[in-house]
């Protein structure tokens, strides 16, 4: 009896210690810093090889090395980027699924009656790159923007883009109809490469593009008429701005990264800081410049303010051309 009584406190203490160990183990695992050992998905709302996808693949490689994590690019194209946006907006706010999209997210807020999400469902992480919207034509056409528009004063201009509702579509139609005051017929294609090739083949009068038209202009396969940036684009130095051509007009498409709303602020800041550090690397900077990207060092707050302004700017153009998608 004495032995039994004397061992009870000892046994109770052992059980208590074991319980503490079992409780502390999971707690310690849960506090492992993000991204822990989980795969991160950069969800791109467009097909491989395009504007957003090309940037996402550079960032995925560099972020994976920097964080010693697996970072993959997941293409989820459709509905002008809305499918991927809804996909991320409706996921857990844990930082493991990041939307990589374009100006489309600003345009779609006005263009679509039912985009499948609310913009408030997402938090901007960064808007680190952009590309000026450009107009280009076949070399057989007039060589300047003014000469081209004069030639089409009394006839309809056909212009190709990567698709209905793209930044290139909205910017070009707004410029042609509301600023230049010419008749214009939009010819949408399933992707930027097809629209550019239509212009190279002289099947349309113009192509409106941002990211994908640079090589053809520099190779002489197309004539660049104007770019929608404040200054000339370094990769297309021979192409004047709209303003230089006599038509003050600014239009740039951009790539932005977003996470679900309520994602912890420290995770959002970690993404932003890491992306900006990656882009400050000379090798990465040179790669992005060669690809035709203009680079921006924006904080989280600056990115959020920029997106807000872009929703208003592109929304005004969508309304001006009378475009609406009811689906």
C-alpha atoms as a PDB file:
ATOM      1  CA  UNK A   1       0.000   0.000   0.000  1.00  0.00           C
ATOM      2  CA  UNK A   2       2.791   2.384   0.837  1.00  0.00           C
ATOM      3  CA  UNK A   3       4.457   1.714  -2.497  1.00  0.00           C
ATOM      4  CA  UNK A   4       1.227   2.340  -4.402  1.00  0.00           C
ATOM      5  CA  UNK A   5       0.559   5.605  -2.577  1.00  0.00           C
ATOM      6  CA  UNK A   6       4.103   6.895  -3.007  1.00  0.00           C
ATOM      7  CA  UNK A   7       4.141   6.175  -6.805  1.00  0.00           C
ATOM      8  CA  UNK A   8       0.826   7.960  -7.583  1.00  0.00           C
ATOM      9  CA  UNK A   9       2.234  11.509  -7.495  1.00  0.00           C
ATOM     10  CA  UNK A  10       5.182  10.349  -9.617  1.00  0.00           C
ATOM     11  CA  UNK A  11       2.899   8.697 -12.168  1.00  0.00           C
ATOM     12  CA  UNK A  12       0.655  11.791 -12.278  1.00  0.00           C
ATOM     13  CA  UNK A  13       3.662  14.018 -12.878  1.00  0.00           C
ATOM     14  CA  UNK A  14       4.843  11.761 -15.737  1.00  0.00           C
ATOM     15  CA  UNK A  15       1.443  11.821 -17.398  1.00  0.00           C
ATOM     16  CA  UNK A  16       1.313  15.594 -17.053  1.00  0.00           C
ATOM     17  CA  UNK A  17       4.781  15.978 -18.578  1.00  0.00           C
ATOM     18  CA  UNK A  18       3.856  13.733 -21.523  1.00  0.00           C
ATOM     19  CA  UNK A  19       0.692  15.727 -22.107  1.00  0.00           C
ATOM     20  CA  UNK A  20       2.715  18.929 -22.164  1.00  0.00           C
ATOM     21  CA  UNK A  21       5.093  17.463 -24.739  1.00  0.00           C
ATOM     22  CA  UNK A  22       2.197  16.374 -26.952  1.00  0.00           C
ATOM     23  CA  UNK A  23       0.618  19.819 -26.707  1.00  0.00           C
ATOM     24  CA  UNK A  24       3.803  21.749 -27.350  1.00  0.00           C
ATOM     25  CA  UNK A  25       4.730  19.687 -30.450  1.00  0.00           C
ATOM     26  CA  UNK A  26       1.808  20.798 -32.652  1.00  0.00           C
ATOM     27  CA  UNK A  27       2.054  24.347 -31.330  1.00  0.00           C
ATOM     28  CA  UNK A  28       5.691  24.539 -32.344  1.00  0.00           C
ATOM     29  CA  UNK A  29       4.839  23.132 -35.810  1.00  0.00           C
ATOM     30  CA  UNK A  30       2.079  25.689 -36.285  1.00  0.00           C
ATOM     31  CA  UNK A  31       4.421  28.588 -35.563  1.00  0.00           C
ATOM     32  CA  UNK A  32       6.869  27.654 -38.308  1.00  0.00           C
ATOM     33  CA  UNK A  33       7.309  30.795 -40.452  1.00  0.00           C
ATOM     34  CA  UNK A  34       5.495  31.126 -43.758  1.00  0.00           C
ATOM     35  CA  UNK A  35       5.839  29.496 -46.255  1.00  0.00           C
ATOM     36  CA  UNK A  36       6.798  26.477 -44.118  1.00  0.00           C
ATOM     37  CA  UNK A  37       7.070  23.375 -46.334  1.00  0.00           C
ATOM     38  CA  UNK A  38       3.999  23.859 -48.526  1.00  0.00           C
ATOM     39  CA  UNK A  39       3.860  24.464 -52.273  1.00  0.00           C
ATOM     40  CA  UNK A  40       2.969  27.973 -53.413  1.00  0.00           C
ATOM     41  CA  UNK A  41       0.841  28.395 -56.548  1.00  0.00           C
ATOM     42  CA  UNK A  42       0.994  31.507 -58.703  1.00  0.00           C
ATOM     43  CA  UNK A  43      -2.378  31.320 -60.439  1.00  0.00           C
ATOM     44  CA  UNK A  44      -2.243  33.050 -63.829  1.00  0.00           C
ATOM     45  CA  UNK A  45      -5.536  34.033 -65.417  1.00  0.00           C
ATOM     46  CA  UNK A  46      -4.238  33.649 -68.965  1.00  0.00           C
ATOM     47  CA  UNK A  47      -2.628  31.132 -71.280  1.00  0.00           C
ATOM     48  CA  UNK A  48       1.087  30.225 -71.193  1.00  0.00           C
ATOM     49  CA  UNK A  49       3.476  32.528 -73.025  1.00  0.00           C
ATOM     50  CA  UNK A  50       1.506  35.718 -72.535  1.00  0.00           C
ATOM     51  CA  UNK A  51       2.051  38.942 -70.625  1.00  0.00           C
ATOM     52  CA  UNK A  52       1.186  37.752 -67.096  1.00  0.00           C
ATOM     53  CA  UNK A  53       2.499  34.211 -67.572  1.00  0.00           C
ATOM     54  CA  UNK A  54       5.953  35.332 -68.706  1.00  0.00           C
ATOM     55  CA  UNK A  55       6.405  37.542 -65.655  1.00  0.00           C
ATOM     56  CA  UNK A  56       4.985  34.899 -63.309  1.00  0.00           C
ATOM     57  CA  UNK A  57       7.545  32.330 -64.453  1.00  0.00           C
ATOM     58  CA  UNK A  58      10.457  34.668 -63.761  1.00  0.00           C
ATOM     59  CA  UNK A  59       9.114  35.447 -60.286  1.00  0.00           C
ATOM     60  CA  UNK A  60       8.278  31.806 -59.513  1.00  0.00           C
ATOM     61  CA  UNK A  61      11.850  30.696 -60.242  1.00  0.00           C
ATOM     62  CA  UNK A  62      13.428  33.504 -58.261  1.00  0.00           C
ATOM     63  CA  UNK A  63      10.998  33.307 -55.338  1.00  0.00           C
ATOM     64  CA  UNK A  64      11.508  29.546 -55.077  1.00  0.00           C
ATOM     65  CA  UNK A  65      15.256  30.041 -54.784  1.00  0.00           C
ATOM     66  CA  UNK A  66      14.948  32.915 -52.354  1.00  0.00           C
ATOM     67  CA  UNK A  67      12.513  31.167 -50.022  1.00  0.00           C
ATOM     68  CA  UNK A  68      13.879  27.651 -50.627  1.00  0.00           C
ATOM     69  CA  UNK A  69      10.323  26.618 -51.466  1.00  0.00           C
ATOM     70  CA  UNK A  70       8.436  24.997 -54.306  1.00  0.00           C
ATOM     71  CA  UNK A  71       6.706  27.758 -56.288  1.00  0.00           C
ATOM     72  CA  UNK A  72       4.692  26.703 -59.329  1.00  0.00           C
ATOM     73  CA  UNK A  73       2.804  28.566 -62.060  1.00  0.00           C
ATOM     74  CA  UNK A  74      -0.762  27.381 -62.579  1.00  0.00           C
ATOM     75  CA  UNK A  75      -2.530  28.634 -65.699  1.00  0.00           C
ATOM     76  CA  UNK A  76      -6.271  29.015 -65.203  1.00  0.00           C
ATOM     77  CA  UNK A  77      -7.374  30.929 -68.288  1.00  0.00           C
ATOM     78  CA  UNK A  78     -10.867  32.012 -69.259  1.00  0.00           C
ATOM     79  CA  UNK A  79     -13.446  34.818 -69.071  1.00  0.00           C
ATOM     80  CA  UNK A  80     -10.824  37.558 -69.393  1.00  0.00           C
ATOM     81  CA  UNK A  81      -9.054  36.420 -66.250  1.00  0.00           C
ATOM     82  CA  UNK A  82     -12.222  36.167 -64.142  1.00  0.00           C
ATOM     83  CA  UNK A  83     -12.001  32.399 -63.622  1.00  0.00           C
ATOM     84  CA  UNK A  84      -8.575  32.594 -61.999  1.00  0.00           C
ATOM     85  CA  UNK A  85      -9.547  35.691 -60.019  1.00  0.00           C
ATOM     86  CA  UNK A  86     -12.607  33.971 -58.545  1.00  0.00           C
ATOM     87  CA  UNK A  87     -10.501  30.874 -57.885  1.00  0.00           C
ATOM     88  CA  UNK A  88      -8.074  32.793 -55.675  1.00  0.00           C
ATOM     89  CA  UNK A  89     -10.607  35.191 -54.153  1.00  0.00           C
ATOM     90  CA  UNK A  90     -12.627  32.281 -52.765  1.00  0.00           C
ATOM     91  CA  UNK A  91      -9.697  30.358 -51.272  1.00  0.00           C
ATOM     92  CA  UNK A  92      -8.338  30.371 -47.727  1.00  0.00           C
ATOM     93  CA  UNK A  93      -6.397  33.560 -46.909  1.00  0.00           C
ATOM     94  CA  UNK A  94      -3.189  31.706 -46.064  1.00  0.00           C
ATOM     95  CA  UNK A  95      -0.834  33.031 -48.776  1.00  0.00           C
ATOM     96  CA  UNK A  96      -0.375  29.763 -50.649  1.00  0.00           C
ATOM     97  CA  UNK A  97      -2.414  30.760 -53.707  1.00  0.00           C
ATOM     98  CA  UNK A  98      -1.505  34.063 -55.346  1.00  0.00           C
ATOM     99  CA  UNK A  99      -3.337  35.557 -58.314  1.00  0.00           C
ATOM    100  CA  UNK A 100      -1.147  36.883 -61.121  1.00  0.00           C
ATOM    101  CA  UNK A 101      -3.299  38.959 -63.437  1.00  0.00           C
ATOM    102  CA  UNK A 102      -3.252  42.050 -65.599  1.00  0.00           C
ATOM    103  CA  UNK A 103      -5.070  45.316 -66.216  1.00  0.00           C
ATOM    104  CA  UNK A 104      -8.030  43.021 -66.922  1.00  0.00           C
ATOM    105  CA  UNK A 105      -8.915  42.973 -63.223  1.00  0.00           C
ATOM    106  CA  UNK A 106      -9.394  46.765 -63.311  1.00  0.00           C
ATOM    107  CA  UNK A 107     -11.306  46.626 -66.599  1.00  0.00           C
ATOM    108  CA  UNK A 108     -13.546  43.735 -65.577  1.00  0.00           C
ATOM    109  CA  UNK A 109     -14.866  45.628 -62.560  1.00  0.00           C
ATOM    110  CA  UNK A 110     -16.854  47.742 -65.039  1.00  0.00           C
ATOM    111  CA  UNK A 111     -16.996  45.489 -68.089  1.00  0.00           C
ATOM    112  CA  UNK A 112     -18.649  42.445 -66.477  1.00  0.00           C
ATOM    113  CA  UNK A 113     -22.050  42.526 -64.807  1.00  0.00           C
ATOM    114  CA  UNK A 114     -21.227  39.310 -62.914  1.00  0.00           C
ATOM    115  CA  UNK A 115     -17.463  38.729 -62.795  1.00  0.00           C
ATOM    116  CA  UNK A 116     -17.871  36.026 -60.124  1.00  0.00           C
ATOM    117  CA  UNK A 117     -16.138  37.917 -57.319  1.00  0.00           C
ATOM    118  CA  UNK A 118     -15.915  41.335 -55.671  1.00  0.00           C
ATOM    119  CA  UNK A 119     -12.697  43.309 -55.967  1.00  0.00           C
ATOM    120  CA  UNK A 120     -12.852  43.702 -52.190  1.00  0.00           C
ATOM    121  CA  UNK A 121     -12.348  39.931 -51.911  1.00  0.00           C
ATOM    122  CA  UNK A 122      -8.689  40.473 -52.846  1.00  0.00           C
ATOM    123  CA  UNK A 123      -5.714  42.336 -51.405  1.00  0.00           C
ATOM    124  CA  UNK A 124      -3.117  43.786 -53.818  1.00  0.00           C
ATOM    125  CA  UNK A 125       0.382  42.530 -53.042  1.00  0.00           C
ATOM    126  CA  UNK A 126       2.359  44.314 -55.758  1.00  0.00           C
ATOM    127  CA  UNK A 127       2.001  45.882 -59.192  1.00  0.00           C
ATOM    128  CA  UNK A 128       5.657  45.601 -60.197  1.00  0.00           C
ATOM    129  CA  UNK A 129       5.700  45.711 -64.011  1.00  0.00           C
ATOM    130  CA  UNK A 130       3.903  47.329 -66.920  1.00  0.00           C
ATOM    131  CA  UNK A 131       4.095  47.573 -70.682  1.00  0.00           C
ATOM    132  CA  UNK A 132       2.921  50.503 -72.782  1.00  0.00           C
ATOM    133  CA  UNK A 133      -0.004  49.874 -75.077  1.00  0.00           C
ATOM    134  CA  UNK A 134       1.156  50.230 -78.676  1.00  0.00           C
ATOM    135  CA  UNK A 135      -0.373  50.586 -82.124  1.00  0.00           C
ATOM    136  CA  UNK A 136       1.473  48.978 -85.034  1.00  0.00           C
ATOM    137  CA  UNK A 137       0.744  48.460 -88.709  1.00  0.00           C
ATOM    138  CA  UNK A 138       2.100  46.677 -91.766  1.00  0.00           C
ATOM    139  CA  UNK A 139       5.157  48.379 -93.378  1.00  0.00           C
ATOM    140  CA  UNK A 140       3.107  49.070 -96.517  1.00  0.00           C
ATOM    141  CA  UNK A 141       0.862  51.410 -94.522  1.00  0.00           C
ATOM    142  CA  UNK A 142       1.583  55.107 -93.682  1.00  0.00           C
ATOM    143  CA  UNK A 143       4.590  55.454 -91.369  1.00  0.00           C
ATOM    144  CA  UNK A 144       3.288  57.923 -88.767  1.00  0.00           C
ATOM    145  CA  UNK A 145       0.196  58.009 -86.580  1.00  0.00           C
ATOM    146  CA  UNK A 146      -1.077  61.258 -88.121  1.00  0.00           C
ATOM    147  CA  UNK A 147      -0.498  60.066 -91.684  1.00  0.00           C
ATOM    148  CA  UNK A 148      -2.229  56.773 -90.913  1.00  0.00           C
ATOM    149  CA  UNK A 149      -5.285  58.449 -89.404  1.00  0.00           C
ATOM    150  CA  UNK A 150      -5.475  60.929 -92.281  1.00  0.00           C
ATOM    151  CA  UNK A 151      -5.471  58.011 -94.737  1.00  0.00           C
ATOM    152  CA  UNK A 152      -8.398  56.408 -92.908  1.00  0.00           C
ATOM    153  CA  UNK A 153     -10.405  59.556 -92.353  1.00  0.00           C
ATOM    154  CA  UNK A 154     -13.231  58.368 -94.594  1.00  0.00           C
ATOM    155  CA  UNK A 155     -12.966  54.599 -94.247  1.00  0.00           C
ATOM    156  CA  UNK A 156     -13.110  51.991 -91.502  1.00  0.00           C
ATOM    157  CA  UNK A 157     -10.001  50.856 -89.633  1.00  0.00           C
ATOM    158  CA  UNK A 158      -9.761  47.190 -88.685  1.00  0.00           C
ATOM    159  CA  UNK A 159      -7.681  46.558 -85.561  1.00  0.00           C
ATOM    160  CA  UNK A 160      -6.662  43.239 -84.045  1.00  0.00           C
ATOM    161  CA  UNK A 161      -6.165  42.507 -80.339  1.00  0.00           C
ATOM    162  CA  UNK A 162      -5.648  39.561 -78.025  1.00  0.00           C
ATOM    163  CA  UNK A 163      -9.353  39.479 -77.226  1.00  0.00           C
ATOM    164  CA  UNK A 164     -12.481  41.319 -76.155  1.00  0.00           C
ATOM    165  CA  UNK A 165     -11.981  43.278 -72.954  1.00  0.00           C
ATOM    166  CA  UNK A 166      -8.196  43.165 -72.974  1.00  0.00           C
ATOM    167  CA  UNK A 167      -6.289  46.345 -72.153  1.00  0.00           C
ATOM    168  CA  UNK A 168      -5.178  46.552 -75.766  1.00  0.00           C
ATOM    169  CA  UNK A 169      -8.782  46.329 -76.964  1.00  0.00           C
ATOM    170  CA  UNK A 170     -10.152  48.960 -74.593  1.00  0.00           C
ATOM    171  CA  UNK A 171      -7.277  51.402 -75.129  1.00  0.00           C
ATOM    172  CA  UNK A 172      -7.286  51.091 -78.931  1.00  0.00           C
ATOM    173  CA  UNK A 173     -11.044  51.333 -79.378  1.00  0.00           C
ATOM    174  CA  UNK A 174     -11.246  54.290 -77.008  1.00  0.00           C
ATOM    175  CA  UNK A 175      -8.417  56.083 -78.815  1.00  0.00           C
ATOM    176  CA  UNK A 176      -9.671  55.425 -82.338  1.00  0.00           C
ATOM    177  CA  UNK A 177     -13.323  56.231 -81.710  1.00  0.00           C
ATOM    178  CA  UNK A 178     -13.227  58.849 -78.952  1.00  0.00           C
ATOM    179  CA  UNK A 179      -9.976  60.698 -79.588  1.00  0.00           C
ATOM    180  CA  UNK A 180      -9.034  60.158 -83.228  1.00  0.00           C
ATOM    181  CA  UNK A 181     -12.703  60.088 -84.273  1.00  0.00           C
ATOM    182  CA  UNK A 182     -12.376  57.407 -86.952  1.00  0.00           C
ATOM    183  CA  UNK A 183     -14.588  54.417 -87.696  1.00  0.00           C
ATOM    184  CA  UNK A 184     -13.055  51.279 -86.248  1.00  0.00           C
ATOM    185  CA  UNK A 185     -13.872  47.575 -86.308  1.00  0.00           C
ATOM    186  CA  UNK A 186     -12.420  45.383 -83.582  1.00  0.00           C
ATOM    187  CA  UNK A 187     -11.071  41.995 -84.705  1.00  0.00           C
ATOM    188  CA  UNK A 188     -10.470  39.892 -81.565  1.00  0.00           C
ATOM    189  CA  UNK A 189      -8.142  36.879 -81.547  1.00  0.00           C
ATOM    190  CA  UNK A 190      -7.512  34.135 -79.019  1.00  0.00           C
ATOM    191  CA  UNK A 191      -4.184  35.478 -77.842  1.00  0.00           C
ATOM    192  CA  UNK A 192      -1.718  38.236 -78.572  1.00  0.00           C
ATOM    193  CA  UNK A 193       0.528  36.235 -80.904  1.00  0.00           C
ATOM    194  CA  UNK A 194      -2.325  35.560 -83.338  1.00  0.00           C
ATOM    195  CA  UNK A 195      -3.318  39.213 -83.415  1.00  0.00           C
ATOM    196  CA  UNK A 196       0.260  40.294 -84.129  1.00  0.00           C
ATOM    197  CA  UNK A 197       0.613  37.746 -86.920  1.00  0.00           C
ATOM    198  CA  UNK A 198      -2.588  39.040 -88.514  1.00  0.00           C
ATOM    199  CA  UNK A 199      -0.962  42.471 -88.791  1.00  0.00           C
ATOM    200  CA  UNK A 200       2.322  40.994 -90.050  1.00  0.00           C
ATOM    201  CA  UNK A 201       0.301  39.262 -92.774  1.00  0.00           C
ATOM    202  CA  UNK A 202      -1.484  42.542 -93.599  1.00  0.00           C
ATOM    203  CA  UNK A 203      -4.845  40.936 -92.820  1.00  0.00           C
ATOM    204  CA  UNK A 204      -5.854  43.863 -90.578  1.00  0.00           C
ATOM    205  CA  UNK A 205      -4.992  47.559 -90.685  1.00  0.00           C
ATOM    206  CA  UNK A 206      -3.652  47.762 -87.143  1.00  0.00           C
ATOM    207  CA  UNK A 207      -2.670  45.625 -84.218  1.00  0.00           C
ATOM    208  CA  UNK A 208      -3.055  46.918 -80.687  1.00  0.00           C
ATOM    209  CA  UNK A 209      -0.695  45.190 -78.304  1.00  0.00           C
ATOM    210  CA  UNK A 210       1.659  45.800 -75.412  1.00  0.00           C
ATOM    211  CA  UNK A 211       4.034  43.039 -74.464  1.00  0.00           C
ATOM    212  CA  UNK A 212       4.024  40.981 -77.663  1.00  0.00           C
ATOM    213  CA  UNK A 213       4.624  43.443 -80.488  1.00  0.00           C
ATOM    214  CA  UNK A 214       8.188  44.573 -79.714  1.00  0.00           C
ATOM    215  CA  UNK A 215      10.130  41.916 -81.696  1.00  0.00           C
ATOM    216  CA  UNK A 216       8.124  42.450 -84.875  1.00  0.00           C
ATOM    217  CA  UNK A 217       8.624  46.224 -84.714  1.00  0.00           C
ATOM    218  CA  UNK A 218      12.347  45.918 -84.107  1.00  0.00           C
ATOM    219  CA  UNK A 219      12.680  43.373 -86.929  1.00  0.00           C
ATOM    220  CA  UNK A 220      10.890  45.665 -89.379  1.00  0.00           C
ATOM    221  CA  UNK A 221       7.945  43.323 -89.836  1.00  0.00           C
ATOM    222  CA  UNK A 222       5.650  45.992 -88.392  1.00  0.00           C
ATOM    223  CA  UNK A 223       5.765  49.775 -88.131  1.00  0.00           C
ATOM    224  CA  UNK A 224       5.197  51.129 -84.641  1.00  0.00           C
ATOM    225  CA  UNK A 225       2.897  54.144 -84.786  1.00  0.00           C
ATOM    226  CA  UNK A 226       2.592  55.039 -81.097  1.00  0.00           C
ATOM    227  CA  UNK A 227       3.129  53.865 -77.532  1.00  0.00           C
ATOM    228  CA  UNK A 228       0.913  54.861 -74.620  1.00  0.00           C
ATOM    229  CA  UNK A 229       3.651  55.751 -72.132  1.00  0.00           C
ATOM    230  CA  UNK A 230       4.793  59.185 -70.957  1.00  0.00           C
ATOM    231  CA  UNK A 231       8.230  58.625 -72.534  1.00  0.00           C
ATOM    232  CA  UNK A 232       9.494  56.360 -75.286  1.00  0.00           C
ATOM    233  CA  UNK A 233       9.964  52.692 -74.406  1.00  0.00           C
ATOM    234  CA  UNK A 234      13.662  51.676 -74.207  1.00  0.00           C
ATOM    235  CA  UNK A 235      13.065  48.446 -76.131  1.00  0.00           C
ATOM    236  CA  UNK A 236      11.284  50.337 -78.940  1.00  0.00           C
ATOM    237  CA  UNK A 237      13.173  53.653 -79.055  1.00  0.00           C
ATOM    238  CA  UNK A 238      12.084  54.421 -82.603  1.00  0.00           C
ATOM    239  CA  UNK A 239       8.369  54.436 -81.764  1.00  0.00           C
ATOM    240  CA  UNK A 240       7.016  57.847 -80.686  1.00  0.00           C
ATOM    241  CA  UNK A 241       4.524  58.315 -77.881  1.00  0.00           C
ATOM    242  CA  UNK A 242       0.921  59.215 -78.655  1.00  0.00           C
ATOM    243  CA  UNK A 243       1.694  62.694 -77.343  1.00  0.00           C
ATOM    244  CA  UNK A 244       4.606  63.089 -79.743  1.00  0.00           C
ATOM    245  CA  UNK A 245       2.269  62.055 -82.532  1.00  0.00           C
ATOM    246  CA  UNK A 246      -0.109  64.869 -81.644  1.00  0.00           C
ATOM    247  CA  UNK A 247      -2.599  62.907 -79.525  1.00  0.00           C
ATOM    248  CA  UNK A 248      -2.058  63.143 -75.738  1.00  0.00           C
ATOM    249  CA  UNK A 249      -3.071  59.691 -74.499  1.00  0.00           C
ATOM    250  CA  UNK A 250      -1.639  57.376 -71.841  1.00  0.00           C
ATOM    251  CA  UNK A 251      -2.413  53.664 -71.634  1.00  0.00           C
ATOM    252  CA  UNK A 252      -0.244  50.971 -70.077  1.00  0.00           C
ATOM    253  CA  UNK A 253      -1.102  47.397 -69.238  1.00  0.00           C
ATOM    254  CA  UNK A 254       0.385  45.971 -66.067  1.00  0.00           C
ATOM    255  CA  UNK A 255       0.823  42.764 -64.125  1.00  0.00           C
ATOM    256  CA  UNK A 256      -0.327  42.609 -60.507  1.00  0.00           C
ATOM    257  CA  UNK A 257      -0.219  40.011 -57.744  1.00  0.00           C
ATOM    258  CA  UNK A 258      -3.172  39.593 -55.372  1.00  0.00           C
ATOM    259  CA  UNK A 259      -4.046  37.357 -52.422  1.00  0.00           C
ATOM    260  CA  UNK A 260      -7.418  36.710 -50.762  1.00  0.00           C
ATOM    261  CA  UNK A 261      -8.621  39.446 -48.452  1.00  0.00           C
ATOM    262  CA  UNK A 262      -7.821  38.818 -44.789  1.00  0.00           C
ATOM    263  CA  UNK A 263      -4.472  37.255 -45.657  1.00  0.00           C
ATOM    264  CA  UNK A 264      -2.208  38.175 -42.701  1.00  0.00           C
ATOM    265  CA  UNK A 265      -0.440  41.491 -43.232  1.00  0.00           C
ATOM    266  CA  UNK A 266       2.978  39.994 -42.507  1.00  0.00           C
ATOM    267  CA  UNK A 267       2.546  37.505 -45.380  1.00  0.00           C
ATOM    268  CA  UNK A 268       1.446  40.269 -47.752  1.00  0.00           C
ATOM    269  CA  UNK A 269       4.465  42.363 -46.748  1.00  0.00           C
ATOM    270  CA  UNK A 270       6.788  39.378 -47.130  1.00  0.00           C
ATOM    271  CA  UNK A 271       5.633  38.859 -50.709  1.00  0.00           C
ATOM    272  CA  UNK A 272       5.964  42.518 -51.577  1.00  0.00           C
ATOM    273  CA  UNK A 273       9.424  42.921 -50.060  1.00  0.00           C
ATOM    274  CA  UNK A 274      10.733  39.720 -51.667  1.00  0.00           C
ATOM    275  CA  UNK A 275       9.387  40.605 -55.123  1.00  0.00           C
ATOM    276  CA  UNK A 276      10.938  44.069 -54.978  1.00  0.00           C
ATOM    277  CA  UNK A 277      14.264  42.604 -53.831  1.00  0.00           C
ATOM    278  CA  UNK A 278      14.190  40.083 -56.673  1.00  0.00           C
ATOM    279  CA  UNK A 279      13.495  42.802 -59.232  1.00  0.00           C
ATOM    280  CA  UNK A 280      16.332  44.939 -57.868  1.00  0.00           C
ATOM    281  CA  UNK A 281      18.800  42.200 -58.810  1.00  0.00           C
ATOM    282  CA  UNK A 282      20.702  43.401 -61.923  1.00  0.00           C
ATOM    283  CA  UNK A 283      20.347  40.059 -63.731  1.00  0.00           C
ATOM    284  CA  UNK A 284      16.576  39.912 -63.158  1.00  0.00           C
ATOM    285  CA  UNK A 285      16.193  43.577 -64.053  1.00  0.00           C
ATOM    286  CA  UNK A 286      18.043  43.027 -67.337  1.00  0.00           C
ATOM    287  CA  UNK A 287      15.926  39.958 -68.142  1.00  0.00           C
ATOM    288  CA  UNK A 288      12.640  41.785 -67.544  1.00  0.00           C
ATOM    289  CA  UNK A 289      13.787  44.824 -69.521  1.00  0.00           C
ATOM    290  CA  UNK A 290      14.747  42.616 -72.476  1.00  0.00           C
ATOM    291  CA  UNK A 291      11.278  41.046 -72.309  1.00  0.00           C
ATOM    292  CA  UNK A 292       9.694  44.492 -72.681  1.00  0.00           C
ATOM    293  CA  UNK A 293       8.652  45.137 -69.083  1.00  0.00           C
ATOM    294  CA  UNK A 294       8.922  48.504 -67.385  1.00  0.00           C
ATOM    295  CA  UNK A 295       9.615  47.978 -63.687  1.00  0.00           C
ATOM    296  CA  UNK A 296       8.159  49.701 -60.619  1.00  0.00           C
ATOM    297  CA  UNK A 297       9.127  49.570 -56.947  1.00  0.00           C
ATOM    298  CA  UNK A 298       5.708  49.963 -55.296  1.00  0.00           C
ATOM    299  CA  UNK A 299       4.902  49.195 -51.665  1.00  0.00           C
ATOM    300  CA  UNK A 300       1.738  47.350 -50.657  1.00  0.00           C
ATOM    301  CA  UNK A 301      -0.080  50.625 -49.944  1.00  0.00           C
ATOM    302  CA  UNK A 302       1.135  52.187 -53.200  1.00  0.00           C
ATOM    303  CA  UNK A 303       0.002  49.118 -55.131  1.00  0.00           C
ATOM    304  CA  UNK A 304      -3.469  49.262 -53.568  1.00  0.00           C
ATOM    305  CA  UNK A 305      -3.797  52.970 -54.404  1.00  0.00           C
ATOM    306  CA  UNK A 306      -2.609  52.351 -57.967  1.00  0.00           C
ATOM    307  CA  UNK A 307      -5.162  49.573 -58.550  1.00  0.00           C
ATOM    308  CA  UNK A 308      -7.935  51.784 -57.179  1.00  0.00           C
ATOM    309  CA  UNK A 309      -7.019  54.575 -59.612  1.00  0.00           C
ATOM    310  CA  UNK A 310      -6.762  52.121 -62.523  1.00  0.00           C
ATOM    311  CA  UNK A 311     -10.277  50.797 -61.868  1.00  0.00           C
ATOM    312  CA  UNK A 312     -11.586  54.341 -62.285  1.00  0.00           C
ATOM    313  CA  UNK A 313      -9.431  55.119 -65.344  1.00  0.00           C
ATOM    314  CA  UNK A 314     -10.204  51.946 -67.320  1.00  0.00           C
ATOM    315  CA  UNK A 315     -13.817  51.971 -66.174  1.00  0.00           C
ATOM    316  CA  UNK A 316     -14.277  55.385 -67.744  1.00  0.00           C
ATOM    317  CA  UNK A 317     -12.933  54.091 -71.070  1.00  0.00           C
ATOM    318  CA  UNK A 318     -15.179  51.007 -70.951  1.00  0.00           C
ATOM    319  CA  UNK A 319     -18.228  53.213 -70.380  1.00  0.00           C
ATOM    320  CA  UNK A 320     -17.178  55.644 -73.111  1.00  0.00           C
ATOM    321  CA  UNK A 321     -17.095  52.910 -75.755  1.00  0.00           C
ATOM    322  CA  UNK A 322     -20.334  51.408 -74.444  1.00  0.00           C
ATOM    323  CA  UNK A 323     -19.017  47.912 -73.777  1.00  0.00           C
ATOM    324  CA  UNK A 324     -20.691  45.494 -71.336  1.00  0.00           C
ATOM    325  CA  UNK A 325     -20.573  41.726 -70.805  1.00  0.00           C
ATOM    326  CA  UNK A 326     -23.742  40.382 -69.186  1.00  0.00           C
ATOM    327  CA  UNK A 327     -22.532  36.852 -68.494  1.00  0.00           C
END
